[in-house]
């Protein structure tokens, strides 16, 4: 797992984020020059791949992410899908622009457990305009099975 921020003092501020394109920012996290989000450490996932319009995170579900019925909680799927889809949008943004998630929808197609192994969450930007952007995501296991899908709409912001 790459380095994740341990407290606010390690988080990049608006001046750092605004000085890079979204693609440069995501590459800096992938390469370890900037820390990843603390949630990635909490939920055991990591940034694996970054290119323009596409981001892949990979995670291995841990017991701490289980729900009371003995499988991985839907929030784990939602967090990985939100991360990959919104970060795919981020890679398309020029310097001085950022985003926030307006809404997202997920469909969980199969349960995950600690035995599921690495699950990759791949996000692809579909449309990035001046004010809004959309992206889609897919979570695929090591066995090639589709675990979940999602879509998102993001609001584009001036930093």
N, C-alpha and C. Protein backbone atom coordinates (compact mmCIF):
# COMPACT_ATOMS: atom_id res chain seq x y z
N UNK A 1 0.84 -1.18 0.00
CA UNK A 1 0.00 0.00 0.00
C UNK A 1 0.89 1.24 0.00
N UNK A 2 0.55 2.17 -0.87
CA UNK A 2 1.28 3.43 -0.91
C UNK A 2 1.00 4.23 0.34
N UNK A 3 1.78 5.24 0.55
CA UNK A 3 1.64 6.12 1.70
C UNK A 3 0.30 6.86 1.63
N UNK A 4 -0.43 6.88 2.74
CA UNK A 4 -1.65 7.67 2.85
C UNK A 4 -1.43 8.72 3.92
N UNK A 5 -2.13 9.84 3.79
CA UNK A 5 -2.01 10.92 4.77
C UNK A 5 -2.49 10.43 6.13
N UNK A 6 -1.73 10.76 7.18
CA UNK A 6 -2.07 10.35 8.55
C UNK A 6 -2.84 11.44 9.29
N UNK A 7 -2.69 12.70 8.87
CA UNK A 7 -3.44 13.80 9.45
C UNK A 7 -3.48 14.95 8.44
N UNK A 8 -4.18 16.02 8.79
CA UNK A 8 -4.39 17.13 7.85
C UNK A 8 -3.08 17.80 7.42
N UNK A 9 -2.07 17.75 8.25
CA UNK A 9 -0.80 18.39 7.89
C UNK A 9 -0.14 17.72 6.69
N UNK A 10 -0.48 16.46 6.42
CA UNK A 10 0.09 15.74 5.29
C UNK A 10 -0.74 15.86 4.02
N UNK A 11 -1.94 16.41 4.13
CA UNK A 11 -2.83 16.52 2.97
C UNK A 11 -2.37 17.68 2.08
N UNK A 12 -2.35 17.48 0.76
CA UNK A 12 -1.99 18.59 -0.12
C UNK A 12 -3.07 19.66 -0.08
N UNK A 13 -2.64 20.93 0.03
CA UNK A 13 -3.57 22.04 0.08
C UNK A 13 -3.99 22.49 -1.31
N UNK A 14 -4.91 23.46 -1.37
CA UNK A 14 -5.40 23.95 -2.66
C UNK A 14 -4.30 24.50 -3.57
N UNK A 15 -3.27 25.07 -2.95
CA UNK A 15 -2.17 25.62 -3.76
C UNK A 15 -1.40 24.51 -4.48
N UNK A 16 -1.25 23.36 -3.84
CA UNK A 16 -0.58 22.22 -4.47
C UNK A 16 -1.50 21.61 -5.53
N UNK A 17 -2.73 21.35 -5.15
CA UNK A 17 -3.68 20.73 -6.08
C UNK A 17 -3.88 21.61 -7.31
N UNK A 18 -4.03 22.93 -7.10
CA UNK A 18 -4.28 23.85 -8.20
C UNK A 18 -3.09 24.10 -9.10
N UNK A 19 -1.90 23.71 -8.66
CA UNK A 19 -0.69 23.94 -9.46
C UNK A 19 -0.44 22.84 -10.50
N UNK A 20 -1.25 21.79 -10.45
CA UNK A 20 -1.07 20.65 -11.36
C UNK A 20 -2.36 20.39 -12.12
N UNK A 21 -2.23 19.78 -13.28
CA UNK A 21 -3.43 19.27 -13.94
C UNK A 21 -3.95 18.10 -13.11
N UNK A 22 -5.19 17.71 -13.34
CA UNK A 22 -5.73 16.57 -12.62
C UNK A 22 -4.95 15.30 -12.89
N UNK A 23 -4.49 15.13 -14.12
CA UNK A 23 -3.70 13.95 -14.46
C UNK A 23 -2.38 13.96 -13.70
N UNK A 24 -1.71 15.11 -13.64
CA UNK A 24 -0.44 15.21 -12.89
C UNK A 24 -0.66 14.93 -11.41
N UNK A 25 -1.76 15.43 -10.87
CA UNK A 25 -2.07 15.21 -9.45
C UNK A 25 -2.25 13.71 -9.16
N UNK A 26 -3.04 13.04 -9.99
CA UNK A 26 -3.27 11.61 -9.78
C UNK A 26 -2.00 10.79 -10.00
N UNK A 27 -1.17 11.19 -10.95
CA UNK A 27 0.10 10.50 -11.16
C UNK A 27 1.03 10.68 -9.96
N UNK A 28 0.99 11.86 -9.34
CA UNK A 28 1.82 12.11 -8.15
C UNK A 28 1.40 11.21 -7.00
N UNK A 29 0.11 10.97 -6.85
CA UNK A 29 -0.34 10.04 -5.80
C UNK A 29 0.09 8.62 -6.16
N UNK A 30 -0.13 8.22 -7.40
CA UNK A 30 0.26 6.87 -7.83
C UNK A 30 1.75 6.62 -7.60
N UNK A 31 2.56 7.64 -7.90
CA UNK A 31 4.02 7.49 -7.80
C UNK A 31 4.56 7.72 -6.39
N UNK A 32 3.69 8.07 -5.42
CA UNK A 32 4.12 8.26 -4.05
C UNK A 32 4.69 9.63 -3.75
N UNK A 33 4.63 10.57 -4.70
CA UNK A 33 5.12 11.93 -4.45
C UNK A 33 4.15 12.74 -3.61
N UNK A 34 2.88 12.34 -3.63
CA UNK A 34 1.85 12.89 -2.75
C UNK A 34 1.17 11.72 -2.05
N UNK A 35 0.68 11.93 -0.82
CA UNK A 35 0.02 10.83 -0.13
C UNK A 35 -1.36 10.55 -0.70
N UNK A 36 -1.79 9.32 -0.57
CA UNK A 36 -3.14 8.95 -0.95
C UNK A 36 -4.13 9.36 0.13
N UNK A 37 -5.39 9.22 -0.18
CA UNK A 37 -6.45 9.57 0.77
C UNK A 37 -6.45 8.63 1.97
N UNK A 38 -6.69 9.15 3.17
CA UNK A 38 -6.73 8.29 4.35
C UNK A 38 -7.73 7.14 4.25
N UNK A 39 -8.85 7.34 3.54
CA UNK A 39 -9.86 6.29 3.41
C UNK A 39 -9.28 5.05 2.73
N UNK A 40 -8.28 5.24 1.87
CA UNK A 40 -7.66 4.09 1.19
C UNK A 40 -6.96 3.18 2.20
N UNK A 41 -6.35 3.76 3.21
CA UNK A 41 -5.74 2.95 4.25
C UNK A 41 -6.77 2.25 5.12
N UNK A 42 -7.83 2.97 5.42
CA UNK A 42 -8.90 2.42 6.26
C UNK A 42 -9.58 1.22 5.59
N UNK A 43 -9.82 1.32 4.28
CA UNK A 43 -10.56 0.28 3.57
C UNK A 43 -9.67 -0.64 2.73
N UNK A 44 -8.35 -0.50 2.87
CA UNK A 44 -7.38 -1.40 2.24
C UNK A 44 -7.48 -1.43 0.72
N UNK A 45 -7.36 -0.25 0.11
CA UNK A 45 -7.27 -0.20 -1.35
C UNK A 45 -6.19 0.78 -1.76
N UNK A 46 -5.73 0.64 -3.00
CA UNK A 46 -4.57 1.38 -3.46
C UNK A 46 -4.78 1.82 -4.91
N UNK A 47 -4.18 2.93 -5.26
CA UNK A 47 -4.21 3.42 -6.63
C UNK A 47 -3.21 2.61 -7.45
N UNK A 48 -3.68 1.94 -8.50
CA UNK A 48 -2.83 1.07 -9.31
C UNK A 48 -2.45 1.68 -10.66
N UNK A 49 -3.41 2.28 -11.35
CA UNK A 49 -3.17 2.77 -12.70
C UNK A 49 -3.83 4.13 -12.89
N UNK A 50 -3.15 4.99 -13.65
CA UNK A 50 -3.67 6.31 -13.97
C UNK A 50 -3.32 6.65 -15.41
N UNK A 51 -4.32 7.05 -16.17
CA UNK A 51 -4.09 7.61 -17.50
C UNK A 51 -5.22 8.61 -17.75
N UNK A 52 -5.11 9.36 -18.79
CA UNK A 52 -6.14 10.35 -19.07
C UNK A 52 -7.49 9.68 -19.25
N UNK A 53 -8.45 10.05 -18.39
CA UNK A 53 -9.80 9.52 -18.49
C UNK A 53 -10.02 8.16 -17.87
N UNK A 54 -8.99 7.59 -17.23
CA UNK A 54 -9.10 6.23 -16.67
C UNK A 54 -8.25 6.09 -15.42
N UNK A 55 -8.85 5.52 -14.38
CA UNK A 55 -8.15 5.27 -13.12
C UNK A 55 -8.55 3.89 -12.61
N UNK A 56 -7.59 3.16 -12.05
CA UNK A 56 -7.86 1.85 -11.47
C UNK A 56 -7.35 1.82 -10.04
N UNK A 57 -8.24 1.45 -9.12
CA UNK A 57 -7.86 1.17 -7.74
C UNK A 57 -8.00 -0.33 -7.55
N UNK A 58 -7.23 -0.89 -6.64
CA UNK A 58 -7.35 -2.30 -6.31
C UNK A 58 -7.46 -2.46 -4.81
N UNK A 59 -8.36 -3.33 -4.38
CA UNK A 59 -8.54 -3.53 -2.95
C UNK A 59 -8.77 -4.98 -2.61
N UNK A 60 -8.38 -5.32 -1.39
CA UNK A 60 -8.63 -6.65 -0.86
C UNK A 60 -9.53 -6.46 0.36
N UNK A 61 -10.76 -6.94 0.27
CA UNK A 61 -11.67 -6.75 1.40
C UNK A 61 -11.13 -7.42 2.67
N UNK A 62 -11.23 -6.72 3.78
CA UNK A 62 -10.83 -7.25 5.08
C UNK A 62 -12.07 -7.46 5.94
N UNK A 63 -11.92 -8.24 6.98
CA UNK A 63 -13.04 -8.53 7.87
C UNK A 63 -13.64 -7.26 8.46
N UNK A 64 -12.84 -6.24 8.67
CA UNK A 64 -13.33 -4.98 9.25
C UNK A 64 -14.36 -4.30 8.34
N UNK A 65 -14.47 -4.70 7.08
CA UNK A 65 -15.45 -4.12 6.15
C UNK A 65 -16.71 -4.98 6.05
N UNK A 66 -16.84 -6.01 6.88
CA UNK A 66 -18.01 -6.89 6.82
C UNK A 66 -19.25 -6.23 7.40
N UNK A 67 -20.40 -6.65 6.88
CA UNK A 67 -21.69 -6.28 7.45
C UNK A 67 -22.12 -7.40 8.40
N UNK A 68 -23.25 -7.27 9.08
CA UNK A 68 -23.65 -8.30 10.05
C UNK A 68 -24.05 -9.64 9.43
N UNK A 69 -24.26 -9.71 8.12
CA UNK A 69 -24.67 -10.98 7.52
C UNK A 69 -23.50 -11.77 6.94
N UNK A 70 -22.26 -11.30 7.18
CA UNK A 70 -21.09 -12.11 6.85
C UNK A 70 -20.49 -11.89 5.48
N UNK A 71 -20.70 -10.73 4.90
CA UNK A 71 -20.03 -10.40 3.63
C UNK A 71 -19.63 -8.92 3.68
N UNK A 72 -18.93 -8.49 2.66
CA UNK A 72 -18.42 -7.12 2.62
C UNK A 72 -19.58 -6.13 2.49
N UNK A 73 -19.55 -5.12 3.30
CA UNK A 73 -20.58 -4.08 3.33
C UNK A 73 -20.62 -3.33 1.99
N UNK A 74 -21.81 -2.93 1.57
CA UNK A 74 -21.97 -2.18 0.32
C UNK A 74 -21.19 -0.89 0.28
N UNK A 75 -20.91 -0.31 1.45
CA UNK A 75 -20.12 0.92 1.49
C UNK A 75 -18.71 0.74 0.97
N UNK A 76 -18.16 -0.47 1.10
CA UNK A 76 -16.82 -0.74 0.56
C UNK A 76 -16.86 -0.64 -0.95
N UNK A 77 -17.87 -1.27 -1.56
CA UNK A 77 -18.03 -1.18 -3.01
C UNK A 77 -18.24 0.27 -3.44
N UNK A 78 -19.13 0.97 -2.71
CA UNK A 78 -19.44 2.36 -3.05
C UNK A 78 -18.23 3.26 -2.96
N UNK A 79 -17.39 3.06 -1.96
CA UNK A 79 -16.20 3.90 -1.80
C UNK A 79 -15.22 3.66 -2.93
N UNK A 80 -14.96 2.40 -3.28
CA UNK A 80 -14.03 2.14 -4.37
C UNK A 80 -14.56 2.64 -5.70
N UNK A 81 -15.85 2.46 -5.94
CA UNK A 81 -16.43 2.96 -7.20
C UNK A 81 -16.43 4.49 -7.24
N UNK A 82 -16.81 5.14 -6.14
CA UNK A 82 -16.76 6.60 -6.10
C UNK A 82 -15.35 7.09 -6.36
N UNK A 83 -14.36 6.45 -5.76
CA UNK A 83 -12.97 6.84 -5.94
C UNK A 83 -12.52 6.70 -7.39
N UNK A 84 -12.75 5.55 -7.99
CA UNK A 84 -12.24 5.33 -9.35
C UNK A 84 -12.97 6.20 -10.37
N UNK A 85 -14.27 6.36 -10.22
CA UNK A 85 -15.03 7.16 -11.19
C UNK A 85 -14.69 8.64 -11.08
N UNK A 86 -14.70 9.18 -9.87
CA UNK A 86 -14.41 10.60 -9.69
C UNK A 86 -12.96 10.93 -10.05
N UNK A 87 -12.04 10.04 -9.72
CA UNK A 87 -10.64 10.29 -10.07
C UNK A 87 -10.41 10.19 -11.57
N UNK A 88 -11.20 9.39 -12.28
CA UNK A 88 -11.13 9.37 -13.74
C UNK A 88 -11.51 10.73 -14.29
N UNK A 89 -12.52 11.36 -13.70
CA UNK A 89 -12.89 12.73 -14.07
C UNK A 89 -11.72 13.67 -13.76
N UNK A 90 -11.14 13.53 -12.58
CA UNK A 90 -10.02 14.40 -12.17
C UNK A 90 -8.90 14.40 -13.21
N UNK A 91 -8.62 13.25 -13.80
CA UNK A 91 -7.52 13.17 -14.77
C UNK A 91 -7.77 14.00 -16.02
N UNK A 92 -8.99 14.42 -16.24
CA UNK A 92 -9.34 15.19 -17.43
C UNK A 92 -9.35 16.70 -17.18
N UNK A 93 -9.09 17.11 -15.94
CA UNK A 93 -9.21 18.52 -15.60
C UNK A 93 -7.89 19.27 -15.74
N UNK A 94 -7.94 20.52 -16.23
CA UNK A 94 -6.73 21.33 -16.34
C UNK A 94 -6.33 21.92 -14.98
N UNK A 95 -5.18 22.53 -14.92
CA UNK A 95 -4.74 23.22 -13.70
C UNK A 95 -5.82 24.20 -13.25
N UNK A 96 -5.97 24.29 -11.94
CA UNK A 96 -6.91 25.25 -11.39
C UNK A 96 -8.35 24.79 -11.32
N UNK A 97 -8.62 23.55 -11.72
CA UNK A 97 -9.99 23.03 -11.67
C UNK A 97 -10.00 21.77 -10.81
N UNK A 98 -11.10 21.56 -10.14
CA UNK A 98 -11.30 20.38 -9.31
C UNK A 98 -12.72 19.88 -9.49
N UNK A 99 -13.13 18.98 -8.64
CA UNK A 99 -14.47 18.39 -8.76
C UNK A 99 -14.98 18.04 -7.38
N UNK A 100 -16.25 17.78 -7.30
CA UNK A 100 -16.85 17.12 -6.16
C UNK A 100 -17.95 16.21 -6.71
N UNK A 101 -18.17 15.10 -6.05
CA UNK A 101 -19.21 14.18 -6.48
C UNK A 101 -20.57 14.76 -6.15
N UNK A 102 -21.43 14.87 -7.15
CA UNK A 102 -22.82 15.29 -6.93
C UNK A 102 -23.69 14.10 -6.54
N UNK A 103 -23.53 13.01 -7.26
CA UNK A 103 -24.29 11.80 -6.95
C UNK A 103 -23.63 10.61 -7.61
N UNK A 104 -23.86 9.45 -7.04
CA UNK A 104 -23.43 8.23 -7.71
C UNK A 104 -24.41 7.11 -7.41
N UNK A 105 -24.42 6.14 -8.30
CA UNK A 105 -25.28 4.98 -8.17
C UNK A 105 -24.42 3.74 -8.39
N UNK A 106 -24.67 2.73 -7.57
CA UNK A 106 -23.94 1.48 -7.74
C UNK A 106 -24.92 0.31 -7.80
N UNK A 107 -24.48 -0.74 -8.46
CA UNK A 107 -25.19 -2.01 -8.50
C UNK A 107 -24.21 -3.09 -8.07
N UNK A 108 -24.49 -3.72 -6.95
CA UNK A 108 -23.64 -4.81 -6.47
C UNK A 108 -24.21 -6.10 -7.04
N UNK A 109 -23.38 -6.80 -7.80
CA UNK A 109 -23.85 -7.98 -8.53
C UNK A 109 -23.51 -9.30 -7.85
N UNK A 110 -22.51 -9.28 -6.98
CA UNK A 110 -22.15 -10.49 -6.24
C UNK A 110 -21.46 -10.08 -4.94
N UNK A 111 -21.59 -10.93 -3.96
CA UNK A 111 -20.99 -10.67 -2.65
C UNK A 111 -19.47 -10.83 -2.72
N UNK A 112 -18.79 -10.08 -1.87
CA UNK A 112 -17.35 -10.23 -1.70
C UNK A 112 -17.08 -10.64 -0.26
N UNK A 113 -16.00 -11.39 -0.07
CA UNK A 113 -15.56 -11.79 1.27
C UNK A 113 -14.04 -11.63 1.34
N UNK A 114 -13.47 -11.97 2.47
CA UNK A 114 -12.02 -11.90 2.61
C UNK A 114 -11.32 -12.91 1.70
N UNK A 115 -12.05 -13.87 1.17
CA UNK A 115 -11.49 -14.87 0.26
C UNK A 115 -11.55 -14.43 -1.20
N UNK A 116 -12.13 -13.27 -1.47
CA UNK A 116 -12.31 -12.82 -2.86
C UNK A 116 -11.01 -12.40 -3.54
N UNK A 117 -9.98 -12.11 -2.77
CA UNK A 117 -8.72 -11.65 -3.35
C UNK A 117 -8.81 -10.21 -3.82
N UNK A 118 -7.90 -9.85 -4.70
CA UNK A 118 -7.84 -8.48 -5.21
C UNK A 118 -9.04 -8.20 -6.11
N UNK A 119 -9.74 -7.11 -5.83
CA UNK A 119 -10.82 -6.65 -6.68
C UNK A 119 -10.41 -5.29 -7.24
N UNK A 120 -10.42 -5.19 -8.56
CA UNK A 120 -10.02 -3.96 -9.24
C UNK A 120 -11.25 -3.12 -9.54
N UNK A 121 -11.16 -1.83 -9.22
CA UNK A 121 -12.23 -0.88 -9.52
C UNK A 121 -11.72 0.07 -10.59
N UNK A 122 -12.28 -0.05 -11.79
CA UNK A 122 -11.82 0.76 -12.93
C UNK A 122 -12.87 1.81 -13.25
N UNK A 123 -12.44 3.07 -13.24
CA UNK A 123 -13.32 4.17 -13.60
C UNK A 123 -12.91 4.78 -14.93
N UNK A 124 -13.90 5.15 -15.73
CA UNK A 124 -13.66 5.80 -17.03
C UNK A 124 -14.54 7.03 -17.15
N UNK A 125 -13.92 8.15 -17.49
CA UNK A 125 -14.69 9.36 -17.74
C UNK A 125 -15.50 9.18 -19.00
N UNK A 126 -16.75 9.58 -18.97
CA UNK A 126 -17.64 9.50 -20.13
C UNK A 126 -17.78 10.86 -20.77
N UNK A 127 -17.99 11.90 -19.96
CA UNK A 127 -18.15 13.27 -20.44
C UNK A 127 -17.59 14.22 -19.40
N UNK A 128 -16.76 15.15 -19.83
CA UNK A 128 -16.25 16.19 -18.94
C UNK A 128 -16.49 17.53 -19.61
N UNK A 129 -17.43 18.28 -19.05
CA UNK A 129 -17.76 19.59 -19.57
C UNK A 129 -17.22 20.70 -18.68
N UNK A 130 -17.72 21.90 -18.90
CA UNK A 130 -17.26 23.04 -18.10
C UNK A 130 -17.80 22.99 -16.67
N UNK A 131 -19.03 22.48 -16.49
CA UNK A 131 -19.68 22.51 -15.19
C UNK A 131 -19.93 21.13 -14.57
N UNK A 132 -20.14 20.14 -15.41
CA UNK A 132 -20.42 18.80 -14.90
C UNK A 132 -19.63 17.76 -15.68
N UNK A 133 -19.52 16.59 -15.07
CA UNK A 133 -18.84 15.47 -15.72
C UNK A 133 -19.55 14.18 -15.30
N UNK A 134 -19.45 13.17 -16.14
CA UNK A 134 -19.99 11.85 -15.81
C UNK A 134 -18.90 10.80 -16.03
N UNK A 135 -19.03 9.72 -15.29
CA UNK A 135 -18.09 8.61 -15.41
C UNK A 135 -18.82 7.32 -15.06
N UNK A 136 -18.21 6.22 -15.45
CA UNK A 136 -18.75 4.91 -15.11
C UNK A 136 -17.64 4.04 -14.52
N UNK A 137 -18.03 3.05 -13.73
CA UNK A 137 -17.05 2.19 -13.09
C UNK A 137 -17.49 0.74 -13.07
N UNK A 138 -16.48 -0.13 -12.96
CA UNK A 138 -16.70 -1.58 -12.89
C UNK A 138 -15.72 -2.15 -11.89
N UNK A 139 -16.19 -3.10 -11.09
CA UNK A 139 -15.33 -3.80 -10.14
C UNK A 139 -15.23 -5.26 -10.59
N UNK A 140 -14.00 -5.70 -10.84
CA UNK A 140 -13.76 -7.04 -11.38
C UNK A 140 -12.77 -7.77 -10.48
N UNK A 141 -13.09 -9.01 -10.15
CA UNK A 141 -12.23 -9.82 -9.29
C UNK A 141 -11.10 -10.48 -10.06
N UNK A 142 -10.19 -11.08 -9.30
CA UNK A 142 -9.07 -11.81 -9.90
C UNK A 142 -9.55 -12.93 -10.81
N UNK A 143 -10.74 -13.44 -10.50
CA UNK A 143 -11.31 -14.53 -11.28
C UNK A 143 -12.01 -14.05 -12.54
N UNK A 144 -11.98 -12.73 -12.81
CA UNK A 144 -12.61 -12.17 -14.00
C UNK A 144 -14.09 -11.89 -13.83
N UNK A 145 -14.65 -12.21 -12.66
CA UNK A 145 -16.07 -11.99 -12.43
C UNK A 145 -16.36 -10.53 -12.09
N UNK A 146 -17.49 -10.06 -12.58
CA UNK A 146 -17.94 -8.70 -12.32
C UNK A 146 -18.65 -8.65 -10.97
N UNK A 147 -18.15 -7.81 -10.06
CA UNK A 147 -18.72 -7.69 -8.72
C UNK A 147 -19.71 -6.53 -8.61
N UNK A 148 -19.44 -5.42 -9.28
CA UNK A 148 -20.31 -4.24 -9.15
C UNK A 148 -20.05 -3.28 -10.30
N UNK A 149 -21.05 -2.44 -10.56
CA UNK A 149 -20.93 -1.38 -11.56
C UNK A 149 -21.44 -0.09 -10.94
N UNK A 150 -21.09 1.03 -11.56
CA UNK A 150 -21.56 2.31 -11.04
C UNK A 150 -21.49 3.40 -12.07
N UNK A 151 -22.20 4.48 -11.79
CA UNK A 151 -22.14 5.71 -12.57
C UNK A 151 -22.07 6.88 -11.60
N UNK A 152 -21.51 7.98 -12.07
CA UNK A 152 -21.43 9.18 -11.23
C UNK A 152 -21.63 10.44 -12.04
N UNK A 153 -22.06 11.48 -11.36
CA UNK A 153 -22.06 12.83 -11.91
C UNK A 153 -21.25 13.69 -10.95
N UNK A 154 -20.32 14.46 -11.49
CA UNK A 154 -19.47 15.34 -10.68
C UNK A 154 -19.70 16.79 -11.07
N UNK A 155 -19.56 17.67 -10.12
CA UNK A 155 -19.59 19.11 -10.35
C UNK A 155 -18.16 19.59 -10.51
N UNK A 156 -17.89 20.32 -11.57
CA UNK A 156 -16.54 20.85 -11.83
C UNK A 156 -16.43 22.22 -11.15
N UNK A 157 -15.33 22.43 -10.43
CA UNK A 157 -15.12 23.62 -9.63
C UNK A 157 -13.85 24.37 -10.02
N UNK A 158 -13.86 25.68 -9.83
CA UNK A 158 -12.62 26.47 -9.90
C UNK A 158 -11.96 26.36 -8.53
N UNK A 159 -10.66 26.09 -8.50
CA UNK A 159 -9.96 25.99 -7.21
C UNK A 159 -9.47 27.35 -6.75
